[in-house]
Protein backbone atom coordinates (compact mmCIF):
# COMPACT_ATOMS: atom_id res chain seq x y z
CA UNK A 1 -40.62 38.33 -92.59
CA UNK A 2 -44.51 37.56 -92.15
CA UNK A 3 -45.04 39.47 -95.40
CA UNK A 4 -42.18 37.56 -97.18
CA UNK A 5 -43.87 34.07 -96.49
CA UNK A 6 -47.50 35.62 -97.07
CA UNK A 7 -45.93 36.63 -100.57
CA UNK A 8 -44.48 33.34 -101.13
CA UNK A 9 -47.65 31.62 -100.27
CA UNK A 10 -49.68 33.76 -102.77
CA UNK A 11 -46.81 33.54 -105.47
CA UNK A 12 -47.35 29.52 -105.50
CA UNK A 13 -51.08 29.75 -104.87
CA UNK A 14 -50.88 27.49 -101.38
CA UNK A 15 -53.35 29.82 -99.39
CA UNK A 16 -55.58 26.76 -99.02
CA UNK A 17 -53.29 23.58 -99.30
CA UNK A 18 -52.13 20.90 -97.07
CA UNK A 19 -48.20 21.64 -96.28
CA UNK A 20 -45.84 19.59 -94.54
CA UNK A 21 -42.83 21.52 -92.97
CA UNK A 22 -39.47 19.75 -92.29
CA UNK A 23 -39.07 20.49 -88.77
CA UNK A 24 -35.89 19.63 -86.87
CA UNK A 25 -36.56 22.36 -84.15
CA UNK A 26 -33.75 24.41 -85.00
CA UNK A 27 -33.35 28.26 -85.54
CA UNK A 28 -34.71 28.03 -89.30
CA UNK A 29 -37.52 25.46 -89.08
CA UNK A 30 -38.85 26.83 -86.07
CA UNK A 31 -39.20 30.37 -87.50
CA UNK A 32 -40.67 29.15 -90.29
CA UNK A 33 -43.27 27.36 -88.34
CA UNK A 34 -43.92 30.12 -85.93
CA UNK A 35 -44.46 32.38 -89.18
CA UNK A 36 -47.02 30.00 -90.55
CA UNK A 37 -48.73 29.67 -87.29
CA UNK A 38 -49.24 33.68 -87.16
CA UNK A 39 -50.38 33.81 -90.95
CA UNK A 40 -53.02 31.29 -90.05
CA UNK A 41 -54.68 33.80 -88.02
CA UNK A 42 -55.32 35.89 -91.07
CA UNK A 43 -58.50 35.21 -92.87
CA UNK A 44 -56.64 34.92 -96.19
CA UNK A 45 -54.67 31.84 -95.03
CA UNK A 46 -57.27 30.25 -92.30
CA UNK A 47 -57.66 27.15 -94.84
CA UNK A 48 -53.83 26.02 -94.94
CA UNK A 49 -53.29 22.88 -92.89
CA UNK A 50 -49.93 22.67 -91.81
CA UNK A 51 -48.10 19.46 -90.38
CA UNK A 52 -45.05 19.48 -88.49
CA UNK A 53 -42.78 16.65 -90.18
CA UNK A 54 -39.82 15.62 -87.78
CA UNK A 55 -37.40 12.94 -88.68
CA UNK A 56 -35.19 11.63 -86.11
CA UNK A 57 -31.80 10.27 -87.55
CA UNK A 58 -31.18 8.29 -84.34
CA UNK A 59 -27.36 9.30 -84.11
CA UNK A 60 -27.34 10.97 -80.97
CA UNK A 61 -29.37 9.25 -78.41
CA UNK A 62 -31.39 10.92 -75.50
CA UNK A 63 -30.25 14.24 -77.03
CA UNK A 64 -32.49 13.56 -79.97
CA UNK A 65 -35.33 12.45 -78.15
CA UNK A 66 -35.32 15.46 -76.14
CA UNK A 67 -35.19 17.50 -79.47
CA UNK A 68 -38.12 15.56 -80.79
CA UNK A 69 -40.06 16.48 -77.64
CA UNK A 70 -39.44 19.99 -77.87
CA UNK A 71 -40.63 19.89 -81.49
CA UNK A 72 -43.79 18.09 -80.68
CA UNK A 73 -44.63 20.59 -77.80
CA UNK A 74 -43.99 23.63 -80.00
CA UNK A 75 -46.36 22.05 -82.82
CA UNK A 76 -48.93 21.33 -80.21
CA UNK A 77 -48.40 24.87 -79.10
CA UNK A 78 -49.45 26.13 -82.40
CA UNK A 79 -52.12 23.87 -82.99
CA UNK A 80 -50.21 21.89 -85.54
CA UNK A 81 -50.23 18.25 -86.09
CA UNK A 82 -46.89 16.87 -85.24
CA UNK A 83 -45.89 13.51 -87.37
CA UNK A 84 -42.44 11.86 -86.60
CA UNK A 85 -40.55 8.82 -87.34
CA UNK A 86 -37.38 7.50 -86.30
CA UNK A 87 -34.59 5.91 -88.61
CA UNK A 88 -33.60 2.40 -87.94
CA UNK A 89 -30.53 1.98 -85.86
CA UNK A 90 -27.34 2.05 -88.20
CA UNK A 91 -28.22 4.66 -90.61
CA UNK A 92 -24.90 5.30 -92.05
CA UNK A 93 -23.51 8.94 -90.60
CA UNK A 94 -22.98 10.73 -93.90
CA UNK A 95 -24.93 13.88 -95.11
CA UNK A 96 -25.99 12.13 -98.31
CA UNK A 97 -27.34 9.10 -96.53
CA UNK A 98 -29.10 11.37 -93.99
CA UNK A 99 -30.33 13.56 -97.02
CA UNK A 100 -31.89 10.45 -98.64
CA UNK A 101 -33.48 9.08 -95.60
CA UNK A 102 -35.03 12.27 -94.82
CA UNK A 103 -36.43 12.87 -98.18
CA UNK A 104 -37.78 9.45 -98.14
CA UNK A 105 -39.73 10.48 -94.91
CA UNK A 106 -40.98 13.28 -96.45
CA UNK A 107 -42.42 11.25 -99.52
CA UNK A 108 -44.05 8.88 -96.90
CA UNK A 109 -45.70 11.75 -94.98
CA UNK A 110 -47.03 13.20 -98.09
CA UNK A 111 -48.54 10.15 -98.66
CA UNK A 112 -49.89 9.95 -95.23
CA UNK A 113 -51.56 13.22 -95.26
CA UNK A 114 -52.36 13.45 -98.93
CA UNK A 115 -50.18 16.74 -98.72
CA UNK A 116 -49.78 19.49 -101.54
CA UNK A 117 -46.27 20.72 -100.74
CA UNK A 118 -43.11 20.25 -98.54
CA UNK A 119 -41.59 23.29 -97.04
CA UNK A 120 -37.98 23.18 -95.97
CA UNK A 121 -36.55 25.84 -94.01
CA UNK A 122 -33.04 26.18 -96.33
CA UNK A 123 -32.17 29.91 -95.93
CA UNK A 124 -29.54 32.33 -98.21
CA UNK A 125 -26.59 31.11 -96.35
CA UNK A 126 -27.52 27.58 -96.79
CA UNK A 127 -27.49 28.65 -100.61
CA UNK A 128 -24.20 30.13 -100.41
CA UNK A 129 -22.80 27.03 -98.84
CA UNK A 130 -24.21 24.67 -101.34
CA UNK A 131 -22.88 26.79 -104.06
CA UNK A 132 -19.22 26.91 -102.50
CA UNK A 133 -19.46 23.07 -101.95
CA UNK A 134 -20.43 22.49 -105.57
CA UNK A 135 -17.63 24.67 -106.73
CA UNK A 136 -14.84 22.96 -104.57
CA UNK A 137 -16.47 19.34 -105.85
CA UNK A 138 -16.07 20.70 -109.45
CA UNK A 139 -19.62 21.19 -110.38
CA UNK A 140 -21.13 22.13 -113.85
CA UNK A 141 -23.02 25.70 -114.49
CA UNK A 142 -26.30 23.57 -113.44
CA UNK A 143 -24.77 22.89 -110.13
CA UNK A 144 -23.98 26.75 -109.67
CA UNK A 145 -27.62 27.56 -109.50
CA UNK A 146 -27.74 26.38 -105.94
CA UNK A 147 -30.77 25.55 -104.13
CA UNK A 148 -33.87 25.74 -106.07
CA UNK A 149 -37.03 28.03 -104.52
CA UNK A 150 -39.23 25.31 -105.94
CA UNK A 151 -38.63 21.62 -106.97
CA UNK A 152 -41.66 19.47 -107.91
CA UNK A 153 -43.38 19.39 -104.42
CA UNK A 154 -40.63 20.96 -102.41
CA UNK A 155 -40.60 24.67 -101.55
CA UNK A 156 -38.03 26.73 -99.92
CA UNK A 157 -39.87 29.97 -98.47
CA UNK A 158 -36.74 31.00 -96.57
CA UNK A 159 -34.44 30.99 -99.65
CA UNK A 160 -34.05 34.81 -99.62
CA UNK A 161 -33.63 35.39 -96.14
CA UNK A 162 -30.18 35.35 -94.27
CA UNK A 163 -29.40 33.40 -91.23
CA UNK A 164 -28.99 36.75 -89.05
CA UNK A 165 -32.52 37.56 -89.92
CA UNK A 166 -33.93 34.32 -88.97
CA UNK A 167 -31.89 34.43 -85.45
CA UNK A 168 -32.99 37.77 -84.79
CA UNK A 169 -36.71 36.58 -85.62
CA UNK A 170 -36.34 33.60 -83.09
CA UNK A 171 -34.90 36.16 -80.51
CA UNK A 172 -37.22 38.90 -81.00
CA UNK A 173 -40.40 36.50 -80.71
CA UNK A 174 -38.82 34.42 -77.66
CA UNK A 175 -38.40 31.23 -79.31
CA UNK A 176 -36.10 28.51 -77.90
CA UNK A 177 -34.95 26.47 -80.90
CA UNK A 178 -33.30 23.07 -80.59
CA UNK A 179 -29.26 23.41 -80.75
CA UNK A 180 -28.12 20.25 -82.66
CA UNK A 181 -24.35 19.67 -81.08
CA UNK A 182 -23.70 17.93 -84.25
CA UNK A 183 -23.67 21.16 -86.10
CA UNK A 184 -20.25 21.88 -84.59
CA UNK A 185 -18.82 18.80 -85.85
CA UNK A 186 -16.39 19.82 -88.72
CA UNK A 187 -16.11 16.26 -89.82
CA UNK A 188 -19.26 17.10 -91.68
CA UNK A 189 -18.32 19.02 -94.72
CA UNK A 190 -20.98 21.48 -94.47
CA UNK A 191 -19.96 22.36 -90.99
CA UNK A 192 -16.56 22.76 -91.92
CA UNK A 193 -17.24 24.93 -94.88
CA UNK A 194 -19.47 27.25 -92.70
CA UNK A 195 -17.22 27.47 -89.43
CA UNK A 196 -13.91 27.52 -91.26
CA UNK A 197 -13.78 27.91 -95.00
CA UNK A 198 -16.48 30.82 -95.30
CA UNK A 199 -15.02 32.74 -92.16
CA UNK A 200 -11.48 32.55 -93.79
CA UNK A 201 -13.15 33.77 -97.23
CA UNK A 202 -15.08 36.64 -95.58
CA UNK A 203 -11.49 37.83 -94.65
CA UNK A 204 -10.81 38.40 -98.47
CA UNK A 205 -14.70 39.42 -99.46
CA UNK A 206 -16.89 40.31 -96.31
CA UNK A 207 -19.47 39.72 -98.68
CA UNK A 208 -18.81 36.52 -99.88
CA UNK A 209 -22.23 35.06 -98.92
CA UNK A 210 -23.77 37.55 -101.09
CA UNK A 211 -21.46 36.98 -103.95
CA UNK A 212 -22.03 33.45 -103.88
CA UNK A 213 -26.04 33.90 -104.01
CA UNK A 214 -25.27 36.52 -106.76
CA UNK A 215 -23.05 33.62 -108.78
CA UNK A 216 -26.43 31.17 -108.09
CA UNK A 217 -28.87 34.00 -109.79
CA UNK A 218 -26.25 34.58 -112.83
CA UNK A 219 -25.73 30.89 -113.48
CA UNK A 220 -29.55 30.53 -113.11
CA UNK A 221 -30.13 33.35 -116.07
CA UNK A 222 -27.25 31.48 -118.20
CA UNK A 223 -28.96 28.58 -117.73
CA UNK A 224 -32.25 29.95 -118.92
CA UNK A 225 -30.53 30.89 -122.32
CA UNK A 226 -29.20 27.21 -122.53
CA UNK A 227 -32.55 25.74 -121.72
CA UNK A 228 -34.38 27.40 -124.81
CA UNK A 229 -32.10 25.27 -127.01
CA UNK A 230 -32.54 22.16 -124.61
CA UNK A 231 -36.17 22.35 -124.65
CA UNK A 232 -36.44 21.86 -128.54
CA UNK A 233 -34.56 18.44 -128.00
CA UNK A 234 -35.87 17.26 -124.32
CA UNK A 235 -39.12 15.76 -125.68
CA UNK A 236 -37.54 13.51 -128.01
CA UNK A 237 -34.67 12.61 -125.55
CA UNK A 238 -36.51 12.25 -122.13
CA UNK A 239 -39.98 10.40 -121.81
CA UNK A 240 -41.58 9.21 -118.70
CA UNK A 241 -38.17 9.75 -116.64
CA UNK A 242 -36.27 7.52 -119.09
CA UNK A 243 -33.49 8.66 -121.61
CA UNK A 244 -34.20 7.34 -125.13
CA UNK A 245 -30.97 5.67 -126.36
CA UNK A 246 -31.48 6.34 -129.98
CA UNK A 247 -32.21 9.99 -129.47
CA UNK A 248 -29.43 10.29 -127.06
CA UNK A 249 -26.97 8.71 -129.44
CA UNK A 250 -27.54 11.43 -131.93
CA UNK A 251 -26.49 14.26 -129.49
CA UNK A 252 -22.95 15.78 -129.38
CA UNK A 253 -20.97 14.85 -126.25
CA UNK A 254 -21.15 18.09 -124.46
CA UNK A 255 -25.22 18.02 -124.71
CA UNK A 256 -25.38 14.29 -123.65
CA UNK A 257 -23.25 15.43 -120.32
CA UNK A 258 -25.74 18.31 -119.77
CA UNK A 259 -28.63 15.71 -120.20
CA UNK A 260 -27.02 13.45 -117.92
CA UNK A 261 -26.41 16.26 -115.15
CA UNK A 262 -30.02 17.00 -115.61
CA UNK A 263 -31.38 13.51 -115.50
CA UNK A 264 -29.83 12.63 -112.25
CA UNK A 265 -30.66 15.94 -110.68
CA UNK A 266 -34.36 14.90 -111.20
CA UNK A 267 -33.82 11.83 -108.87
CA UNK A 268 -32.44 13.85 -106.34
CA UNK A 269 -28.67 12.79 -107.03
CA UNK A 270 -26.07 15.59 -106.76
CA UNK A 271 -22.90 14.79 -108.64
CA UNK A 272 -19.90 16.43 -109.36
CA UNK A 273 -18.32 16.80 -113.05
CA UNK A 274 -15.94 13.77 -112.51
CA UNK A 275 -18.90 11.79 -111.76
CA UNK A 276 -20.81 12.83 -114.66
CA UNK A 277 -18.02 11.88 -116.88
CA UNK A 278 -17.85 8.44 -115.33
CA UNK A 279 -21.61 8.10 -116.14
CA UNK A 280 -21.19 9.32 -119.54
CA UNK A 281 -18.34 6.95 -120.28
CA UNK A 282 -20.33 4.09 -118.65
CA UNK A 283 -23.45 4.82 -121.04
CA UNK A 284 -21.34 5.19 -124.15
CA UNK A 285 -19.91 1.86 -123.56
CA UNK A 286 -23.20 0.21 -122.90
CA UNK A 287 -25.42 2.17 -125.30
CA UNK A 288 -25.39 -0.62 -128.03
CA UNK A 289 -25.95 -3.61 -125.56
CA UNK A 290 -29.21 -5.62 -126.35
CA UNK A 291 -29.77 -6.55 -122.71
CA UNK A 292 -28.13 -3.85 -120.75
CA UNK A 293 -25.72 -3.24 -117.90
CA UNK A 294 -26.00 -1.48 -114.60
CA UNK A 295 -23.99 1.19 -112.79
CA UNK A 296 -24.76 1.96 -108.92
CA UNK A 297 -25.70 5.54 -108.59
CA UNK A 298 -26.53 5.66 -104.62
CA UNK A 299 -27.54 3.50 -101.66
CA UNK A 300 -31.15 3.12 -103.38
CA UNK A 301 -30.51 3.34 -107.18
CA UNK A 302 -28.87 1.90 -110.34
CA UNK A 303 -28.55 3.49 -113.82
CA UNK A 304 -29.60 0.81 -116.27
CA UNK A 305 -28.50 1.40 -119.95
CA UNK A 306 -29.16 -0.69 -123.03
CA UNK A 307 -29.61 -0.09 -126.83
CA UNK A 308 -33.35 1.10 -126.27
CA UNK A 309 -33.57 2.99 -122.86
CA UNK A 310 -31.38 4.93 -120.05
CA UNK A 311 -33.32 4.79 -116.82
CA UNK A 312 -32.84 4.68 -113.10
CA UNK A 313 -33.87 1.68 -111.04
CA UNK A 314 -34.06 0.77 -107.35
CA UNK A 315 -31.49 -1.68 -106.29
CA UNK A 316 -33.70 -4.05 -105.26
CA UNK A 317 -35.10 -4.53 -108.97
CA UNK A 318 -31.61 -5.87 -109.60
CA UNK A 319 -31.13 -7.92 -106.27
CA UNK A 320 -34.32 -9.07 -105.51
CA UNK A 321 -36.64 -11.41 -107.21
CA UNK A 322 -40.36 -10.10 -106.93
CA UNK A 323 -42.43 -13.19 -105.67
CA UNK A 324 -45.56 -13.64 -107.33
CA UNK A 325 -47.97 -16.80 -106.30
CA UNK A 326 -48.31 -19.66 -108.80
CA UNK A 327 -52.00 -19.72 -110.14
CA UNK A 328 -53.46 -22.89 -111.51
CA UNK A 329 -55.67 -22.65 -114.66
CA UNK A 330 -58.11 -25.47 -115.00
CA UNK A 331 -60.73 -23.82 -117.24
CA UNK A 332 -61.95 -20.49 -118.85
CA UNK A 333 -62.39 -17.96 -116.23
CA UNK A 334 -60.90 -15.05 -114.54
CA UNK A 335 -58.06 -15.30 -112.04
CA UNK A 336 -56.38 -12.99 -109.86
CA UNK A 337 -52.60 -12.54 -110.04
CA UNK A 338 -51.51 -10.14 -107.15
CA UNK A 339 -52.90 -6.72 -108.42
CA UNK A 340 -53.55 -7.87 -112.04
CA UNK A 341 -56.15 -10.24 -113.50
CA UNK A 342 -55.80 -13.23 -116.30
CA UNK A 343 -58.69 -13.83 -118.26
CA UNK A 344 -59.37 -16.91 -120.39
CA UNK A 345 -62.33 -17.31 -122.59
CA UNK A 346 -63.55 -19.19 -125.62
CA UNK A 347 -63.09 -17.38 -128.95
CA UNK A 348 -66.61 -16.56 -130.50
CA UNK A 349 -66.58 -17.31 -134.20
CA UNK A 350 -68.06 -13.62 -134.68
CA UNK A 351 -64.95 -11.85 -133.15
CA UNK A 352 -62.62 -10.14 -135.84
CA UNK A 353 -59.46 -12.15 -135.49
CA UNK A 354 -56.58 -9.91 -136.06
CA UNK A 355 -52.89 -10.94 -134.72
CA UNK A 356 -51.86 -8.75 -131.85
CA UNK A 357 -48.74 -7.21 -131.43
CA UNK A 358 -46.15 -9.44 -129.48
CA UNK A 359 -45.91 -6.74 -126.75
CA UNK A 360 -49.90 -6.84 -126.35
CA UNK A 361 -51.28 -7.79 -122.87
CA UNK A 362 -53.81 -10.37 -124.93
CA UNK A 363 -53.30 -13.13 -127.44
CA UNK A 364 -55.62 -15.65 -129.48
CA UNK A 365 -54.46 -19.04 -128.79
CA UNK A 366 -55.13 -22.45 -130.11
CA UNK A 367 -55.43 -24.60 -126.71
CA UNK A 368 -56.78 -27.72 -129.00
CA UNK A 369 -53.71 -30.00 -128.32
CA UNK A 370 -52.55 -28.40 -124.77
CA UNK A 371 -53.89 -30.30 -121.63
CA UNK A 372 -55.03 -28.63 -118.38
CA UNK A 373 -54.18 -27.43 -116.11
CA UNK A 374 -52.11 -24.69 -116.82
CA UNK A 375 -49.79 -22.41 -114.64
CA UNK A 376 -49.61 -18.61 -114.29
CA UNK A 377 -46.40 -17.54 -112.64
CA UNK A 378 -42.99 -15.99 -112.85
CA UNK A 379 -39.71 -17.53 -114.50
CA UNK A 380 -37.58 -20.26 -112.98
CA UNK A 381 -34.51 -22.33 -113.78
CA UNK A 382 -35.11 -24.79 -116.46
CA UNK A 383 -37.88 -22.92 -118.34
CA UNK A 384 -38.08 -23.56 -122.05
CA UNK A 385 -40.08 -22.05 -125.03
CA UNK A 386 -40.84 -22.95 -128.64
CA UNK A 387 -41.08 -19.65 -130.04
CA UNK A 388 -43.71 -18.86 -132.45
CA UNK A 389 -42.99 -19.75 -135.95
CA UNK A 390 -39.73 -21.76 -135.13
CA UNK A 391 -39.06 -25.29 -134.72
CA UNK A 392 -37.50 -26.86 -131.42
CA UNK A 393 -37.27 -25.32 -127.98
CA UNK A 394 -34.65 -23.05 -126.45
CA UNK A 395 -33.97 -21.76 -122.87
CA UNK A 396 -36.40 -19.01 -121.73
CA UNK A 397 -33.06 -16.81 -120.68
CA UNK A 398 -31.86 -17.11 -124.55
CA UNK A 399 -35.29 -16.23 -125.88
CA UNK A 400 -35.62 -13.22 -123.38
CA UNK A 401 -32.00 -12.22 -124.51
CA UNK A 402 -33.11 -12.36 -128.15
CA UNK A 403 -36.22 -10.16 -127.41
CA UNK A 404 -34.19 -7.39 -125.59
CA UNK A 405 -35.82 -7.74 -122.50
CA UNK A 406 -34.20 -5.77 -119.33
CA UNK A 407 -32.47 -8.06 -117.08
CA UNK A 408 -34.01 -6.37 -114.36
CA UNK A 409 -37.43 -6.75 -115.59
CA UNK A 410 -37.35 -10.45 -116.24
CA UNK A 411 -38.54 -11.60 -112.89
CA UNK A 412 -41.68 -9.20 -112.69
CA UNK A 413 -42.90 -10.98 -116.25
CA UNK A 414 -45.74 -13.21 -115.92
CA UNK A 415 -45.55 -16.54 -117.77
CA UNK A 416 -48.42 -18.97 -118.81
CA UNK A 417 -46.75 -22.42 -118.47
CA UNK A 418 -47.34 -26.15 -118.94
CA UNK A 419 -44.86 -27.67 -116.55
CA UNK A 420 -41.36 -26.16 -117.45
CA UNK A 421 -42.54 -25.42 -120.98
CA UNK A 422 -43.66 -21.53 -121.37
CA UNK A 423 -46.58 -21.04 -123.56
CA UNK A 424 -47.07 -17.28 -123.50
CA UNK A 425 -44.84 -14.77 -122.17
CA UNK A 426 -47.03 -12.03 -121.48
CA UNK A 427 -46.08 -8.78 -123.33
CA UNK A 428 -43.21 -10.23 -124.96
CA UNK A 429 -44.46 -13.59 -127.27
CA UNK A 430 -46.28 -16.76 -127.82
CA UNK A 431 -45.20 -20.32 -128.04
CA UNK A 432 -45.40 -22.28 -131.34
CA UNK A 433 -47.51 -24.83 -129.31
CA UNK A 434 -50.42 -22.44 -128.88
CA UNK A 435 -49.94 -20.27 -131.69
CA UNK A 436 -52.94 -19.93 -134.11
CA UNK A 437 -52.61 -21.49 -137.80
CA UNK A 438 -56.25 -21.33 -138.72
CA UNK A 439 -59.01 -20.53 -135.90
CA UNK A 440 -58.32 -19.55 -132.42
CA UNK A 441 -59.78 -21.80 -129.66
CA UNK A 442 -59.45 -19.10 -126.97
CA UNK A 443 -58.52 -15.46 -125.96
CA UNK A 444 -56.33 -14.97 -123.26
CA UNK A 445 -55.75 -11.30 -121.76
CA UNK A 446 -53.79 -10.00 -118.65
CA UNK A 447 -55.09 -6.72 -117.27
């Protein structure tokens, strides 16, 4: 098994990287950590920095604390740093919620240690269970691929190793892994599959796990063929982790659903075909909306759809107003606004005056008829604007609607105001009150 892991490290060129290992202290992760410790004795792998990362779900009280201590002592015995966090009380006891919390912990740990990779100890049996679970749930071909050996920064070095091999390794090397009592609780679907369904299937086919892994390999091959076609479309459809509505609209229904499945998997959301259809119908119903609509995907994410973009956004972006301190502008100069800076300077006649695009982060302005002070802030009830080139004012909300500004982004937009009247919506548009008709008096820029 040492040779398997050594070959894996070479394959992905991880011989001198910082690696986090998801360490529950069970058979799989203890086996993996022990092998990495042994490999570090080899000159080829001296420079690997391994951190044992343990997440306590806080579901089993004293038992979980004892397991955490076992993990800490084991990591110390192998000369490895130990990093842990305990979930807040009240984490919902579901496999999906636990998985989301665990991966958030890994991301936090990666940032803490500036890590290059996260190793999880999924094995060949886990892959078989995953494929079967997705078959039962009604997955498409993408779901039948099973667990990926590598996905972004996450790696599975034991994916081609059976649970029997792992248990044998632990026994041969006198390891004493934790035995999580919840692993026998058949209220968890994965446990029910492992303890009841797979043994029943083995009465029909003793090699059912191997067959399920073969199904995953075949699905991977079929997906590669499909990928050759999709790759010709993807760059036009998906940009910066967002689906471009116009490009998406031109696709066939089948290709749309394929891209939907692919897209939500990128965000670690594992859905059955029924859910894919639900998302597809939601997108179709909202694809022509100027101001968009949202659909809840999971505890932490919404799907947002409008005529320009399809993207995932965090729940807090919809539910919470982002607080930005109000800044008073009394004269020319630089003003800090959170992590941004506003610069107000006089226009020099030698400058070339060209009207910037409405979405630009700077504007030429005529402040000759405006009395200081001005205020930089985010929107509030009662805001109005006199749009450039128009007579009269309108409510800011109506103006943002007309400009197609996403609802979940409106509270983030900076405004230059004079009391309740908006003079500039940064990156969106300018008021006629400071619009230039001949020569600007000032240049305003937000960095």
